[in-house]
Amino acid sequence: MSQRLPDPQTAARMSEIAGVLAGAGLDARVHDTRGVLDVTASLGEPGARPIEVIIDDDGYAQVSYWNPPGAAPAQVTATITAVIAVITEPTGQSARAAGSSGR
């Protein structure tokens, strides 16, 4: 199986994403698996498992976090619905709130 070379623009974009996440305090890295790029990032939480983020070069993003087993249902659902609200905001609003140019 031959390895494909990552697109330079995609590589630059993924590196910028990793850099911004690192600037926000996450341990972020770009990985190249046979020419397919992804960013993995994590944020350690005292007394809990880390929050983990994976972003593929095709735009798929995944955020995983740990809920304490005894967390109240209201706490669990409030966290999830708040994350969904940020993700589903009209394009550009959440990027500006995070200090990005929204590009």
PDB file of N, CA and C in Angstrom:
ATOM      1  N   MET A   1       0.847  -1.171   0.000  1.00  0.00           N
ATOM      2  CA  MET A   1       0.000   0.000   0.000  1.00  0.00           C
ATOM      3  C   MET A   1       0.893   1.235   0.000  1.00  0.00           C
ATOM      4  N   SER A   2       0.700   2.129  -0.946  1.00  0.00           N
ATOM      5  CA  SER A   2       1.527   3.330  -1.005  1.00  0.00           C
ATOM      6  C   SER A   2       0.910   4.436  -0.154  1.00  0.00           C
ATOM      7  N   GLN A   3       1.792   5.259   0.368  1.00  0.00           N
ATOM      8  CA  GLN A   3       1.355   6.371   1.201  1.00  0.00           C
ATOM      9  C   GLN A   3       1.090   7.585   0.334  1.00  0.00           C
ATOM     10  N   ARG A   4      -0.047   8.216   0.533  1.00  0.00           N
ATOM     11  CA  ARG A   4      -0.334   9.453  -0.196  1.00  0.00           C
ATOM     12  C   ARG A   4       0.241  10.622   0.591  1.00  0.00           C
ATOM     13  N   LEU A   5       0.561  11.678  -0.114  1.00  0.00           N
ATOM     14  CA  LEU A   5       1.060  12.877   0.542  1.00  0.00           C
ATOM     15  C   LEU A   5      -0.113  13.764   0.933  1.00  0.00           C
ATOM     16  N   PRO A   6      -0.088  14.320   2.146  1.00  0.00           N
ATOM     17  CA  PRO A   6      -1.168  15.218   2.546  1.00  0.00           C
ATOM     18  C   PRO A   6      -1.160  16.485   1.685  1.00  0.00           C
ATOM     19  N   ASP A   7      -2.338  17.007   1.407  1.00  0.00           N
ATOM     20  CA  ASP A   7      -2.469  18.271   0.703  1.00  0.00           C
ATOM     21  C   ASP A   7      -1.848  19.371   1.570  1.00  0.00           C
ATOM     22  N   PRO A   8      -0.975  20.225   0.999  1.00  0.00           N
ATOM     23  CA  PRO A   8      -0.314  21.263   1.798  1.00  0.00           C
ATOM     24  C   PRO A   8      -1.297  22.214   2.489  1.00  0.00           C
ATOM     25  N   GLN A   9      -2.392  22.563   1.821  1.00  0.00           N
ATOM     26  CA  GLN A   9      -3.372  23.459   2.454  1.00  0.00           C
ATOM     27  C   GLN A   9      -4.060  22.768   3.626  1.00  0.00           C
ATOM     28  N   THR A  10      -4.367  21.493   3.456  1.00  0.00           N
ATOM     29  CA  THR A  10      -4.985  20.732   4.544  1.00  0.00           C
ATOM     30  C   THR A  10      -4.014  20.605   5.706  1.00  0.00           C
ATOM     31  N   ALA A  11      -2.757  20.330   5.398  1.00  0.00           N
ATOM     32  CA  ALA A  11      -1.745  20.206   6.440  1.00  0.00           C
ATOM     33  C   ALA A  11      -1.602  21.511   7.217  1.00  0.00           C
ATOM     34  N   ALA A  12      -1.603  22.641   6.519  1.00  0.00           N
ATOM     35  CA  ALA A  12      -1.504  23.940   7.180  1.00  0.00           C
ATOM     36  C   ALA A  12      -2.725  24.189   8.061  1.00  0.00           C
ATOM     37  N   ARG A  13      -3.906  23.847   7.553  1.00  0.00           N
ATOM     38  CA  ARG A  13      -5.149  24.035   8.309  1.00  0.00           C
ATOM     39  C   ARG A  13      -5.144  23.192   9.575  1.00  0.00           C
ATOM     40  N   MET A  14      -4.739  21.929   9.451  1.00  0.00           N
ATOM     41  CA  MET A  14      -4.711  21.046  10.609  1.00  0.00           C
ATOM     42  C   MET A  14      -3.676  21.509  11.638  1.00  0.00           C
ATOM     43  N   SER A  15      -2.542  21.997  11.163  1.00  0.00           N
ATOM     44  CA  SER A  15      -1.519  22.522  12.076  1.00  0.00           C
ATOM     45  C   SER A  15      -2.026  23.752  12.814  1.00  0.00           C
ATOM     46  N   GLU A  16      -2.773  24.607  12.107  1.00  0.00           N
ATOM     47  CA  GLU A  16      -3.337  25.793  12.759  1.00  0.00           C
ATOM     48  C   GLU A  16      -4.353  25.395  13.827  1.00  0.00           C
ATOM     49  N   ILE A  17      -5.193  24.411  13.513  1.00  0.00           N
ATOM     50  CA  ILE A  17      -6.170  23.926  14.501  1.00  0.00           C
ATOM     51  C   ILE A  17      -5.451  23.409  15.741  1.00  0.00           C
ATOM     52  N   ALA A  18      -4.421  22.593  15.542  1.00  0.00           N
ATOM     53  CA  ALA A  18      -3.667  22.058  16.675  1.00  0.00           C
ATOM     54  C   ALA A  18      -3.023  23.181  17.478  1.00  0.00           C
ATOM     55  N   GLY A  19      -2.506  24.191  16.789  1.00  0.00           N
ATOM     56  CA  GLY A  19      -1.874  25.315  17.474  1.00  0.00           C
ATOM     57  C   GLY A  19      -2.853  26.113  18.321  1.00  0.00           C
ATOM     58  N   VAL A  20      -4.043  26.353  17.790  1.00  0.00           N
ATOM     59  CA  VAL A  20      -5.055  27.100  18.543  1.00  0.00           C
ATOM     60  C   VAL A  20      -5.506  26.292  19.762  1.00  0.00           C
ATOM     61  N   LEU A  21      -5.694  24.984  19.573  1.00  0.00           N
ATOM     62  CA  LEU A  21      -6.085  24.145  20.703  1.00  0.00           C
ATOM     63  C   LEU A  21      -4.984  24.108  21.764  1.00  0.00           C
ATOM     64  N   ALA A  22      -3.739  24.029  21.329  1.00  0.00           N
ATOM     65  CA  ALA A  22      -2.616  24.049  22.273  1.00  0.00           C
ATOM     66  C   ALA A  22      -2.580  25.383  23.019  1.00  0.00           C
ATOM     67  N   GLY A  23      -2.848  26.469  22.304  1.00  0.00           N
ATOM     68  CA  GLY A  23      -2.896  27.781  22.937  1.00  0.00           C
ATOM     69  C   GLY A  23      -4.009  27.902  23.967  1.00  0.00           C
ATOM     70  N   ALA A  24      -5.050  27.091  23.817  1.00  0.00           N
ATOM     71  CA  ALA A  24      -6.166  27.078  24.758  1.00  0.00           C
ATOM     72  C   ALA A  24      -5.917  26.103  25.918  1.00  0.00           C
ATOM     73  N   GLY A  25      -4.724  25.490  25.943  1.00  0.00           N
ATOM     74  CA  GLY A  25      -4.362  24.640  27.062  1.00  0.00           C
ATOM     75  C   GLY A  25      -4.491  23.151  26.834  1.00  0.00           C
ATOM     76  N   LEU A  26      -4.860  22.737  25.631  1.00  0.00           N
ATOM     77  CA  LEU A  26      -4.969  21.309  25.343  1.00  0.00           C
ATOM     78  C   LEU A  26      -3.629  20.778  24.856  1.00  0.00           C
ATOM     79  N   ASP A  27      -3.386  19.511  25.083  1.00  0.00           N
ATOM     80  CA  ASP A  27      -2.229  18.835  24.511  1.00  0.00           C
ATOM     81  C   ASP A  27      -2.678  18.380  23.124  1.00  0.00           C
ATOM     82  N   ALA A  28      -2.235  19.082  22.073  1.00  0.00           N
ATOM     83  CA  ALA A  28      -2.751  18.845  20.720  1.00  0.00           C
ATOM     84  C   ALA A  28      -1.623  18.509  19.767  1.00  0.00           C
ATOM     85  N   ARG A  29      -1.902  17.545  18.887  1.00  0.00           N
ATOM     86  CA  ARG A  29      -0.918  17.108  17.897  1.00  0.00           C
ATOM     87  C   ARG A  29      -1.604  16.745  16.590  1.00  0.00           C
ATOM     88  N   VAL A  30      -0.873  16.959  15.498  1.00  0.00           N
ATOM     89  CA  VAL A  30      -1.339  16.508  14.181  1.00  0.00           C
ATOM     90  C   VAL A  30      -0.710  15.148  13.927  1.00  0.00           C
ATOM     91  N   HIS A  31      -1.539  14.207  13.490  1.00  0.00           N
ATOM     92  CA  HIS A  31      -1.060  12.867  13.156  1.00  0.00           C
ATOM     93  C   HIS A  31      -1.244  12.628  11.661  1.00  0.00           C
ATOM     94  N   ASP A  32      -0.281  11.964  11.064  1.00  0.00           N
ATOM     95  CA  ASP A  32      -0.330  11.611   9.645  1.00  0.00           C
ATOM     96  C   ASP A  32      -0.301  10.089   9.557  1.00  0.00           C
ATOM     97  N   THR A  33      -1.432   9.518   9.189  1.00  0.00           N
ATOM     98  CA  THR A  33      -1.533   8.071   9.027  1.00  0.00           C
ATOM     99  C   THR A  33      -1.673   7.777   7.542  1.00  0.00           C
ATOM    100  N   ARG A  34      -0.582   7.385   6.919  1.00  0.00           N
ATOM    101  CA  ARG A  34      -0.545   7.095   5.483  1.00  0.00           C
ATOM    102  C   ARG A  34      -1.135   8.243   4.664  1.00  0.00           C
ATOM    103  N   GLY A  35      -0.796   9.477   5.041  1.00  0.00           N
ATOM    104  CA  GLY A  35      -1.230  10.640   4.286  1.00  0.00           C
ATOM    105  C   GLY A  35      -2.574  11.201   4.691  1.00  0.00           C
ATOM    106  N   VAL A  36      -3.231  10.574   5.656  1.00  0.00           N
ATOM    107  CA  VAL A  36      -4.511  11.076   6.165  1.00  0.00           C
ATOM    108  C   VAL A  36      -4.233  11.775   7.493  1.00  0.00           C
ATOM    109  N   LEU A  37      -4.589  13.043   7.559  1.00  0.00           N
ATOM    110  CA  LEU A  37      -4.275  13.840   8.744  1.00  0.00           C
ATOM    111  C   LEU A  37      -5.443  13.888   9.721  1.00  0.00           C
ATOM    112  N   ASP A  38      -5.097  13.945  11.008  1.00  0.00           N
ATOM    113  CA  ASP A  38      -6.085  14.242  12.033  1.00  0.00           C
ATOM    114  C   ASP A  38      -5.390  14.952  13.179  1.00  0.00           C
ATOM    115  N   VAL A  39      -6.159  15.684  13.922  1.00  0.00           N
ATOM    116  CA  VAL A  39      -5.677  16.343  15.134  1.00  0.00           C
ATOM    117  C   VAL A  39      -6.278  15.587  16.302  1.00  0.00           C
ATOM    118  N   THR A  40      -5.436  15.241  17.264  1.00  0.00           N
ATOM    119  CA  THR A  40      -5.938  14.707  18.524  1.00  0.00           C
ATOM    120  C   THR A  40      -5.499  15.671  19.620  1.00  0.00           C
ATOM    121  N   ALA A  41      -6.396  15.920  20.534  1.00  0.00           N
ATOM    122  CA  ALA A  41      -6.107  16.850  21.611  1.00  0.00           C
ATOM    123  C   ALA A  41      -6.779  16.353  22.880  1.00  0.00           C
ATOM    124  N   SER A  42      -6.176  16.659  24.006  1.00  0.00           N
ATOM    125  CA  SER A  42      -6.782  16.285  25.277  1.00  0.00           C
ATOM    126  C   SER A  42      -6.519  17.367  26.309  1.00  0.00           C
ATOM    127  N   LEU A  43      -7.429  17.417  27.254  1.00  0.00           N
ATOM    128  CA  LEU A  43      -7.335  18.365  28.358  1.00  0.00           C
ATOM    129  C   LEU A  43      -7.553  17.583  29.629  1.00  0.00           C
ATOM    130  N   GLY A  44      -6.501  17.504  30.453  1.00  0.00           N
ATOM    131  CA  GLY A  44      -6.610  16.776  31.708  1.00  0.00           C
ATOM    132  C   GLY A  44      -7.469  17.529  32.707  1.00  0.00           C
ATOM    133  N   GLU A  45      -8.306  16.797  33.378  1.00  0.00           N
ATOM    134  CA  GLU A  45      -9.163  17.351  34.417  1.00  0.00           C
ATOM    135  C   GLU A  45      -8.790  16.683  35.736  1.00  0.00           C
ATOM    136  N   PRO A  46      -8.482  17.470  36.787  1.00  0.00           N
ATOM    137  CA  PRO A  46      -8.126  16.858  38.071  1.00  0.00           C
ATOM    138  C   PRO A  46      -9.222  15.921  38.567  1.00  0.00           C
ATOM    139  N   GLY A  47      -8.844  14.708  38.911  1.00  0.00           N
ATOM    140  CA  GLY A  47      -9.777  13.742  39.449  1.00  0.00           C
ATOM    141  C   GLY A  47     -10.710  13.111  38.433  1.00  0.00           C
ATOM    142  N   ALA A  48     -10.484  13.367  37.157  1.00  0.00           N
ATOM    143  CA  ALA A  48     -11.357  12.803  36.117  1.00  0.00           C
ATOM    144  C   ALA A  48     -10.515  12.386  34.920  1.00  0.00           C
ATOM    145  N   ARG A  49     -11.145  11.714  34.023  1.00  0.00           N
ATOM    146  CA  ARG A  49     -10.479  11.369  32.767  1.00  0.00           C
ATOM    147  C   ARG A  49     -10.397  12.618  31.905  1.00  0.00           C
ATOM    148  N   PRO A  50      -9.431  12.665  30.976  1.00  0.00           N
ATOM    149  CA  PRO A  50      -9.289  13.868  30.154  1.00  0.00           C
ATOM    150  C   PRO A  50     -10.439  14.038  29.165  1.00  0.00           C
ATOM    151  N   ILE A  51     -10.674  15.282  28.810  1.00  0.00           N
ATOM    152  CA  ILE A  51     -11.565  15.597  27.697  1.00  0.00           C
ATOM    153  C   ILE A  51     -10.736  15.359  26.443  1.00  0.00           C
ATOM    154  N   GLU A  52     -11.288  14.632  25.477  1.00  0.00           N
ATOM    155  CA  GLU A  52     -10.534  14.282  24.273  1.00  0.00           C
ATOM    156  C   GLU A  52     -11.251  14.792  23.027  1.00  0.00           C
ATOM    157  N   VAL A  53     -10.454  15.271  22.080  1.00  0.00           N
ATOM    158  CA  VAL A  53     -10.975  15.811  20.829  1.00  0.00           C
ATOM    159  C   VAL A  53     -10.230  15.147  19.675  1.00  0.00           C
ATOM    160  N   ILE A  54     -10.961  14.736  18.646  1.00  0.00           N
ATOM    161  CA  ILE A  54     -10.362  14.212  17.421  1.00  0.00           C
ATOM    162  C   ILE A  54     -11.010  14.963  16.264  1.00  0.00           C
ATOM    163  N   ILE A  55     -10.185  15.493  15.372  1.00  0.00           N
ATOM    164  CA  ILE A  55     -10.676  16.215  14.200  1.00  0.00           C
ATOM    165  C   ILE A  55      -9.997  15.622  12.975  1.00  0.00           C
ATOM    166  N   ASP A  56     -10.790  15.065  12.066  1.00  0.00           N
ATOM    167  CA  ASP A  56     -10.264  14.473  10.835  1.00  0.00           C
ATOM    168  C   ASP A  56     -10.105  15.539   9.760  1.00  0.00           C
ATOM    169  N   ASP A  57      -9.261  15.247   8.771  1.00  0.00           N
ATOM    170  CA  ASP A  57      -9.036  16.226   7.705  1.00  0.00           C
ATOM    171  C   ASP A  57     -10.251  16.422   6.803  1.00  0.00           C
ATOM    172  N   ASP A  58     -11.253  15.544   6.925  1.00  0.00           N
ATOM    173  CA  ASP A  58     -12.468  15.725   6.131  1.00  0.00           C
ATOM    174  C   ASP A  58     -13.543  16.496   6.887  1.00  0.00           C
ATOM    175  N   GLY A  59     -13.215  16.979   8.103  1.00  0.00           N
ATOM    176  CA  GLY A  59     -14.125  17.834   8.845  1.00  0.00           C
ATOM    177  C   GLY A  59     -14.863  17.169   9.992  1.00  0.00           C
ATOM    178  N   TYR A  60     -14.789  15.843  10.098  1.00  0.00           N
ATOM    179  CA  TYR A  60     -15.474  15.171  11.199  1.00  0.00           C
ATOM    180  C   TYR A  60     -14.774  15.505  12.511  1.00  0.00           C
ATOM    181  N   ALA A  61     -15.543  15.897  13.517  1.00  0.00           N
ATOM    182  CA  ALA A  61     -14.982  16.224  14.827  1.00  0.00           C
ATOM    183  C   ALA A  61     -15.722  15.435  15.898  1.00  0.00           C
ATOM    184  N   GLN A  62     -14.966  14.991  16.878  1.00  0.00           N
ATOM    185  CA  GLN A  62     -15.536  14.217  17.974  1.00  0.00           C
ATOM    186  C   GLN A  62     -14.990  14.765  19.281  1.00  0.00           C
ATOM    187  N   VAL A  63     -15.867  14.995  20.244  1.00  0.00           N
ATOM    188  CA  VAL A  63     -15.466  15.435  21.575  1.00  0.00           C
ATOM    189  C   VAL A  63     -15.976  14.399  22.565  1.00  0.00           C
ATOM    190  N   SER A  64     -15.080  13.901  23.400  1.00  0.00           N
ATOM    191  CA  SER A  64     -15.456  12.926  24.423  1.00  0.00           C
ATOM    192  C   SER A  64     -15.081  13.477  25.786  1.00  0.00           C
ATOM    193  N   TYR A  65     -15.967  13.279  26.720  1.00  0.00           N
ATOM    194  CA  TYR A  65     -15.668  13.693  28.082  1.00  0.00           C
ATOM    195  C   TYR A  65     -16.257  12.671  29.035  1.00  0.00           C
ATOM    196  N   TRP A  66     -15.822  12.721  30.263  1.00  0.00           N
ATOM    197  CA  TRP A  66     -16.240  11.774  31.275  1.00  0.00           C
ATOM    198  C   TRP A  66     -17.245  12.436  32.199  1.00  0.00           C
ATOM    199  N   ASN A  67     -18.376  11.790  32.383  1.00  0.00           N
ATOM    200  CA  ASN A  67     -19.370  12.219  33.367  1.00  0.00           C
ATOM    201  C   ASN A  67     -19.141  11.439  34.643  1.00  0.00           C
ATOM    202  N   PRO A  68     -19.106  12.085  35.789  1.00  0.00           N
ATOM    203  CA  PRO A  68     -19.038  11.311  37.031  1.00  0.00           C
ATOM    204  C   PRO A  68     -20.249  10.371  37.107  1.00  0.00           C
ATOM    205  N   PRO A  69     -20.060   9.128  37.531  1.00  0.00           N
ATOM    206  CA  PRO A  69     -21.166   8.169  37.538  1.00  0.00           C
ATOM    207  C   PRO A  69     -22.394   8.643  38.315  1.00  0.00           C
ATOM    208  N   GLY A  70     -22.206   9.435  39.351  1.00  0.00           N
ATOM    209  CA  GLY A  70     -23.336   9.891  40.164  1.00  0.00           C
ATOM    210  C   GLY A  70     -23.887  11.243  39.750  1.00  0.00           C
ATOM    211  N   ALA A  71     -23.453  11.755  38.609  1.00  0.00           N
ATOM    212  CA  ALA A  71     -23.928  13.078  38.183  1.00  0.00           C
ATOM    213  C   ALA A  71     -25.442  13.069  38.014  1.00  0.00           C
ATOM    214  N   ALA A  72     -26.063  14.142  38.448  1.00  0.00           N
ATOM    215  CA  ALA A  72     -27.516  14.261  38.327  1.00  0.00           C
ATOM    216  C   ALA A  72     -27.898  14.327  36.847  1.00  0.00           C
ATOM    217  N   PRO A  73     -29.014  13.724  36.472  1.00  0.00           N
ATOM    218  CA  PRO A  73     -29.455  13.785  35.078  1.00  0.00           C
ATOM    219  C   PRO A  73     -29.524  15.217  34.546  1.00  0.00           C
ATOM    220  N   ALA A  74     -29.935  16.156  35.368  1.00  0.00           N
ATOM    221  CA  ALA A  74     -30.011  17.551  34.922  1.00  0.00           C
ATOM    222  C   ALA A  74     -28.627  18.091  34.572  1.00  0.00           C
ATOM    223  N   GLN A  75     -27.618  17.707  35.341  1.00  0.00           N
ATOM    224  CA  GLN A  75     -26.247  18.143  35.059  1.00  0.00           C
ATOM    225  C   GLN A  75     -25.754  17.537  33.747  1.00  0.00           C
ATOM    226  N   VAL A  76     -25.998  16.252  33.551  1.00  0.00           N
ATOM    227  CA  VAL A  76     -25.572  15.566  32.336  1.00  0.00           C
ATOM    228  C   VAL A  76     -26.230  16.191  31.108  1.00  0.00           C
ATOM    229  N   THR A  77     -27.537  16.349  31.165  1.00  0.00           N
ATOM    230  CA  THR A  77     -28.255  16.883  30.003  1.00  0.00           C
ATOM    231  C   THR A  77     -27.954  18.352  29.768  1.00  0.00           C
ATOM    232  N   ALA A  78     -27.707  19.124  30.823  1.00  0.00           N
ATOM    233  CA  ALA A  78     -27.353  20.539  30.649  1.00  0.00           C
ATOM    234  C   ALA A  78     -26.012  20.674  29.931  1.00  0.00           C
ATOM    235  N   THR A  79     -25.054  19.835  30.286  1.00  0.00           N
ATOM    236  CA  THR A  79     -23.746  19.854  29.630  1.00  0.00           C
ATOM    237  C   THR A  79     -23.888  19.507  28.152  1.00  0.00           C
ATOM    238  N   ILE A  80     -24.606  18.437  27.874  1.00  0.00           N
ATOM    239  CA  ILE A  80     -24.755  17.988  26.485  1.00  0.00           C
ATOM    240  C   ILE A  80     -25.500  19.020  25.648  1.00  0.00           C
ATOM    241  N   THR A  81     -26.583  19.570  26.165  1.00  0.00           N
ATOM    242  CA  THR A  81     -27.338  20.544  25.376  1.00  0.00           C
ATOM    243  C   THR A  81     -26.569  21.847  25.195  1.00  0.00           C
ATOM    244  N   ALA A  82     -25.730  22.219  26.165  1.00  0.00           N
ATOM    245  CA  ALA A  82     -24.901  23.421  25.998  1.00  0.00           C
ATOM    246  C   ALA A  82     -23.868  23.220  24.892  1.00  0.00           C
ATOM    247  N   VAL A  83     -23.261  22.041  24.843  1.00  0.00           N
ATOM    248  CA  VAL A  83     -22.289  21.740  23.785  1.00  0.00           C
ATOM    249  C   VAL A  83     -22.978  21.745  22.418  1.00  0.00           C
ATOM    250  N   ILE A  84     -24.135  21.125  22.343  1.00  0.00           N
ATOM    251  CA  ILE A  84     -24.878  21.090  21.077  1.00  0.00           C
ATOM    252  C   ILE A  84     -25.258  22.503  20.638  1.00  0.00           C
ATOM    253  N   ALA A  85     -25.642  23.353  21.575  1.00  0.00           N
ATOM    254  CA  ALA A  85     -26.007  24.733  21.231  1.00  0.00           C
ATOM    255  C   ALA A  85     -24.827  25.485  20.621  1.00  0.00           C
ATOM    256  N   VAL A  86     -23.643  25.299  21.165  1.00  0.00           N
ATOM    257  CA  VAL A  86     -22.456  25.961  20.615  1.00  0.00           C
ATOM    258  C   VAL A  86     -22.147  25.415  19.220  1.00  0.00           C
ATOM    259  N   ILE A  87     -22.227  24.101  19.061  1.00  0.00           N
ATOM    260  CA  ILE A  87     -21.906  23.484  17.772  1.00  0.00           C
ATOM    261  C   ILE A  87     -22.882  23.907  16.688  1.00  0.00           C
ATOM    262  N   THR A  88     -24.138  24.077  17.042  1.00  0.00           N
ATOM    263  CA  THR A  88     -25.151  24.371  16.036  1.00  0.00           C
ATOM    264  C   THR A  88     -25.427  25.858  15.847  1.00  0.00           C
ATOM    265  N   GLU A  89     -24.638  26.739  16.500  1.00  0.00           N
ATOM    266  CA  GLU A  89     -24.774  28.174  16.263  1.00  0.00           C
ATOM    267  C   GLU A  89     -24.509  28.465  14.795  1.00  0.00           C
ATOM    268  N   PRO A  90     -25.097  29.551  14.276  1.00  0.00           N
ATOM    269  CA  PRO A  90     -24.787  29.929  12.890  1.00  0.00           C
ATOM    270  C   PRO A  90     -23.275  30.081  12.699  1.00  0.00           C
ATOM    271  N   THR A  91     -22.788  29.727  11.539  1.00  0.00           N
ATOM    272  CA  THR A  91     -21.365  29.762  11.221  1.00  0.00           C
ATOM    273  C   THR A  91     -20.746  31.101  11.582  1.00  0.00           C
ATOM    274  N   GLY A  92     -19.598  31.029  12.254  1.00  0.00           N
ATOM    275  CA  GLY A  92     -18.836  32.227  12.565  1.00  0.00           C
ATOM    276  C   GLY A  92     -19.055  32.751  13.964  1.00  0.00           C
ATOM    277  N   GLN A  93     -20.226  32.586  14.546  1.00  0.00           N
ATOM    278  CA  GLN A  93     -20.479  33.159  15.856  1.00  0.00           C
ATOM    279  C   GLN A  93     -19.622  32.511  16.933  1.00  0.00           C
ATOM    280  N   SER A  94     -19.568  31.179  16.972  1.00  0.00           N
ATOM    281  CA  SER A  94     -18.779  30.535  18.008  1.00  0.00           C
ATOM    282  C   SER A  94     -17.288  30.751  17.775  1.00  0.00           C
ATOM    283  N   ALA A  95     -16.864  30.867  16.516  1.00  0.00           N
ATOM    284  CA  ALA A  95     -15.444  31.128  16.241  1.00  0.00           C
ATOM    285  C   ALA A  95     -15.050  32.501  16.744  1.00  0.00           C
ATOM    286  N   ARG A  96     -15.904  33.489  16.552  1.00  0.00           N
ATOM    287  CA  ARG A  96     -15.596  34.830  17.054  1.00  0.00           C
ATOM    288  C   ARG A  96     -15.567  34.853  18.575  1.00  0.00           C
ATOM    289  N   ALA A  97     -16.484  34.112  19.193  1.00  0.00           N
ATOM    290  CA  ALA A  97     -16.521  34.051  20.649  1.00  0.00           C
ATOM    291  C   ALA A  97     -15.250  33.422  21.198  1.00  0.00           C
ATOM    292  N   ALA A  98     -14.660  32.493  20.449  1.00  0.00           N
ATOM    293  CA  ALA A  98     -13.438  31.828  20.882  1.00  0.00           C
ATOM    294  C   ALA A  98     -12.183  32.629  20.558  1.00  0.00           C
ATOM    295  N   GLY A  99     -12.349  33.787  19.920  1.00  0.00           N
ATOM    296  CA  GLY A  99     -11.202  34.625  19.607  1.00  0.00           C
ATOM    297  C   GLY A  99     -10.582  34.364  18.255  1.00  0.00           C
ATOM    298  N   SER A 100     -11.234  33.573  17.417  1.00  0.00           N
ATOM    299  CA  SER A 100     -10.727  33.275  16.084  1.00  0.00           C
ATOM    300  C   SER A 100     -11.276  34.274  15.093  1.00  0.00           C
ATOM    301  N   SER A 101     -10.674  34.299  13.930  1.00  0.00           N
ATOM    302  CA  SER A 101     -11.141  35.204  12.879  1.00  0.00           C
ATOM    303  C   SER A 101     -12.368  34.671  12.171  1.00  0.00           C
ATOM    304  N   GLY A 102     -12.742  33.404  12.434  1.00  0.00           N
ATOM    305  CA  GLY A 102     -13.914  32.812  11.816  1.00  0.00           C
ATOM    306  C   GLY A 102     -13.670  32.325  10.392  1.00  0.00           C
ATOM    307  N   ARG A 103     -12.393  32.269   9.987  1.00  0.00           N
ATOM    308  CA  ARG A 103     -12.063  31.795   8.641  1.00  0.00           C
ATOM    309  C   ARG A 103     -12.108  30.311   8.542  1.00  0.00           C
TER     310      ARG A 103
END
